[in-house]
Amino acid sequence: MQACRGRDAQHIRVYAEYLEAVGATAAEEMDYYAVSIVGPRNRGDRMVGRLPLVP
């Protein structure tokens, strides 16, 4: 499997293949498009000000 470039990872449908592609990619070559906030909803809402999800 090749390294992930740009939005390639968004097209991978099998999680094991995604992990393999990401593992083959140097951190400097990764493009980040999102941030996840995990935890109790009230704390997450406080941090983001109840921003709506992007459609």
N, C-alpha and C. Protein backbone atom coordinates (compact mmCIF):
# COMPACT_ATOMS: atom_id res chain seq x y z
N MET A 1 0.84 -1.18 0.00
CA MET A 1 0.00 0.00 0.00
C MET A 1 0.88 1.24 0.00
N GLN A 2 0.44 2.28 -0.70
CA GLN A 2 1.18 3.52 -0.76
C GLN A 2 0.87 4.40 0.45
N ALA A 3 1.72 5.36 0.65
CA ALA A 3 1.48 6.33 1.73
C ALA A 3 0.28 7.20 1.39
N CYS A 4 -0.39 7.68 2.41
CA CYS A 4 -1.55 8.58 2.23
C CYS A 4 -1.05 9.96 1.85
N ARG A 5 -1.65 10.53 0.85
CA ARG A 5 -1.34 11.88 0.45
C ARG A 5 -2.65 12.66 0.36
N GLY A 6 -2.64 13.87 0.88
CA GLY A 6 -3.81 14.73 0.76
C GLY A 6 -5.07 14.07 1.29
N ARG A 7 -6.06 13.94 0.45
CA ARG A 7 -7.35 13.40 0.87
C ARG A 7 -7.49 11.91 0.55
N ASP A 8 -6.40 11.22 0.20
CA ASP A 8 -6.47 9.81 -0.14
C ASP A 8 -7.12 8.96 0.94
N ALA A 9 -6.83 9.27 2.19
CA ALA A 9 -7.34 8.46 3.30
C ALA A 9 -8.86 8.50 3.36
N GLN A 10 -9.48 9.54 2.85
CA GLN A 10 -10.93 9.64 2.86
C GLN A 10 -11.59 8.64 1.93
N HIS A 11 -10.83 8.08 1.01
CA HIS A 11 -11.40 7.15 0.03
C HIS A 11 -11.19 5.69 0.42
N ILE A 12 -10.48 5.43 1.48
CA ILE A 12 -10.24 4.06 1.93
C ILE A 12 -11.44 3.61 2.74
N ARG A 13 -12.02 2.46 2.38
CA ARG A 13 -13.24 1.97 3.02
C ARG A 13 -12.98 0.93 4.10
N VAL A 14 -11.81 0.33 4.11
CA VAL A 14 -11.48 -0.73 5.07
C VAL A 14 -10.50 -0.16 6.08
N TYR A 15 -10.88 -0.20 7.37
CA TYR A 15 -10.08 0.44 8.42
C TYR A 15 -8.66 -0.12 8.48
N ALA A 16 -8.49 -1.42 8.29
CA ALA A 16 -7.15 -2.02 8.32
C ALA A 16 -6.27 -1.42 7.22
N GLU A 17 -6.84 -1.18 6.05
CA GLU A 17 -6.10 -0.56 4.95
C GLU A 17 -5.75 0.89 5.27
N TYR A 18 -6.67 1.58 5.93
CA TYR A 18 -6.42 2.96 6.35
C TYR A 18 -5.25 3.02 7.32
N LEU A 19 -5.26 2.13 8.32
CA LEU A 19 -4.16 2.10 9.28
C LEU A 19 -2.83 1.80 8.61
N GLU A 20 -2.85 0.90 7.65
CA GLU A 20 -1.63 0.56 6.93
C GLU A 20 -1.11 1.76 6.14
N ALA A 21 -2.01 2.47 5.47
CA ALA A 21 -1.61 3.63 4.67
C ALA A 21 -1.09 4.75 5.55
N VAL A 22 -1.77 5.01 6.65
CA VAL A 22 -1.33 6.07 7.56
C VAL A 22 0.01 5.70 8.20
N GLY A 23 0.18 4.43 8.53
CA GLY A 23 1.44 3.99 9.13
C GLY A 23 2.62 4.11 8.19
N ALA A 24 2.35 4.10 6.89
CA ALA A 24 3.42 4.21 5.90
C ALA A 24 3.71 5.65 5.52
N THR A 25 3.04 6.60 6.15
CA THR A 25 3.19 8.01 5.82
C THR A 25 3.94 8.73 6.93
N ALA A 26 4.95 9.48 6.57
CA ALA A 26 5.71 10.27 7.55
C ALA A 26 4.81 11.37 8.11
N ALA A 27 5.01 11.70 9.37
CA ALA A 27 4.19 12.72 10.02
C ALA A 27 4.25 14.05 9.28
N GLU A 28 5.38 14.39 8.72
CA GLU A 28 5.54 15.65 8.01
C GLU A 28 4.69 15.70 6.73
N GLU A 29 4.33 14.54 6.20
CA GLU A 29 3.56 14.48 4.96
C GLU A 29 2.06 14.43 5.20
N MET A 30 1.64 14.32 6.45
CA MET A 30 0.21 14.22 6.75
C MET A 30 -0.44 15.60 6.69
N ASP A 31 -1.63 15.63 6.10
CA ASP A 31 -2.45 16.84 6.09
C ASP A 31 -3.63 16.58 7.01
N TYR A 32 -3.85 17.46 7.96
CA TYR A 32 -4.94 17.28 8.91
C TYR A 32 -6.10 18.18 8.51
N TYR A 33 -7.29 17.61 8.46
CA TYR A 33 -8.48 18.34 8.06
C TYR A 33 -9.51 18.46 9.17
N ALA A 34 -9.29 17.81 10.29
CA ALA A 34 -10.29 17.82 11.36
C ALA A 34 -9.63 17.58 12.71
N VAL A 35 -10.34 17.95 13.74
CA VAL A 35 -9.92 17.71 15.10
C VAL A 35 -11.10 17.07 15.82
N SER A 36 -10.84 16.04 16.60
CA SER A 36 -11.89 15.39 17.38
C SER A 36 -11.80 15.83 18.83
N ILE A 37 -12.95 16.05 19.40
CA ILE A 37 -13.02 16.36 20.83
C ILE A 37 -13.83 15.23 21.46
N VAL A 38 -13.21 14.51 22.38
CA VAL A 38 -13.84 13.35 22.99
C VAL A 38 -14.01 13.61 24.48
N GLY A 39 -15.17 13.29 24.98
CA GLY A 39 -15.43 13.46 26.40
C GLY A 39 -16.87 13.82 26.64
N PRO A 40 -17.17 14.22 27.85
CA PRO A 40 -18.55 14.60 28.17
C PRO A 40 -19.02 15.76 27.29
N ARG A 41 -20.25 15.66 26.83
CA ARG A 41 -20.76 16.66 25.90
C ARG A 41 -20.73 18.08 26.48
N ASN A 42 -21.07 18.25 27.74
CA ASN A 42 -21.11 19.61 28.29
C ASN A 42 -19.73 20.28 28.25
N ARG A 43 -18.68 19.53 28.48
CA ARG A 43 -17.33 20.11 28.41
C ARG A 43 -16.95 20.43 26.96
N GLY A 44 -17.30 19.54 26.05
CA GLY A 44 -17.03 19.79 24.62
C GLY A 44 -17.78 21.01 24.12
N ASP A 45 -19.05 21.12 24.50
CA ASP A 45 -19.84 22.28 24.09
C ASP A 45 -19.25 23.58 24.62
N ARG A 46 -18.72 23.55 25.82
CA ARG A 46 -18.10 24.75 26.40
C ARG A 46 -16.89 25.19 25.57
N MET A 47 -16.12 24.22 25.09
CA MET A 47 -14.90 24.56 24.33
C MET A 47 -15.22 25.12 22.95
N VAL A 48 -16.22 24.58 22.28
CA VAL A 48 -16.50 24.99 20.91
C VAL A 48 -17.67 25.96 20.79
N GLY A 49 -18.28 26.29 21.91
CA GLY A 49 -19.38 27.26 21.87
C GLY A 49 -20.60 26.76 21.12
N ARG A 50 -20.85 25.47 21.15
CA ARG A 50 -22.00 24.85 20.48
C ARG A 50 -21.99 25.10 18.97
N LEU A 51 -20.82 25.02 18.35
CA LEU A 51 -20.73 25.16 16.90
C LEU A 51 -21.48 24.02 16.23
N PRO A 52 -22.20 24.28 15.15
CA PRO A 52 -22.89 23.20 14.46
C PRO A 52 -21.89 22.33 13.69
N LEU A 53 -22.27 21.09 13.41
CA LEU A 53 -21.43 20.22 12.59
C LEU A 53 -21.44 20.72 11.16
N VAL A 54 -20.33 20.52 10.45
CA VAL A 54 -20.26 20.90 9.05
C VAL A 54 -20.95 19.83 8.23
N PRO A 55 -21.89 20.19 7.34
CA PRO A 55 -22.61 19.18 6.55
C PRO A 55 -21.73 18.49 5.55
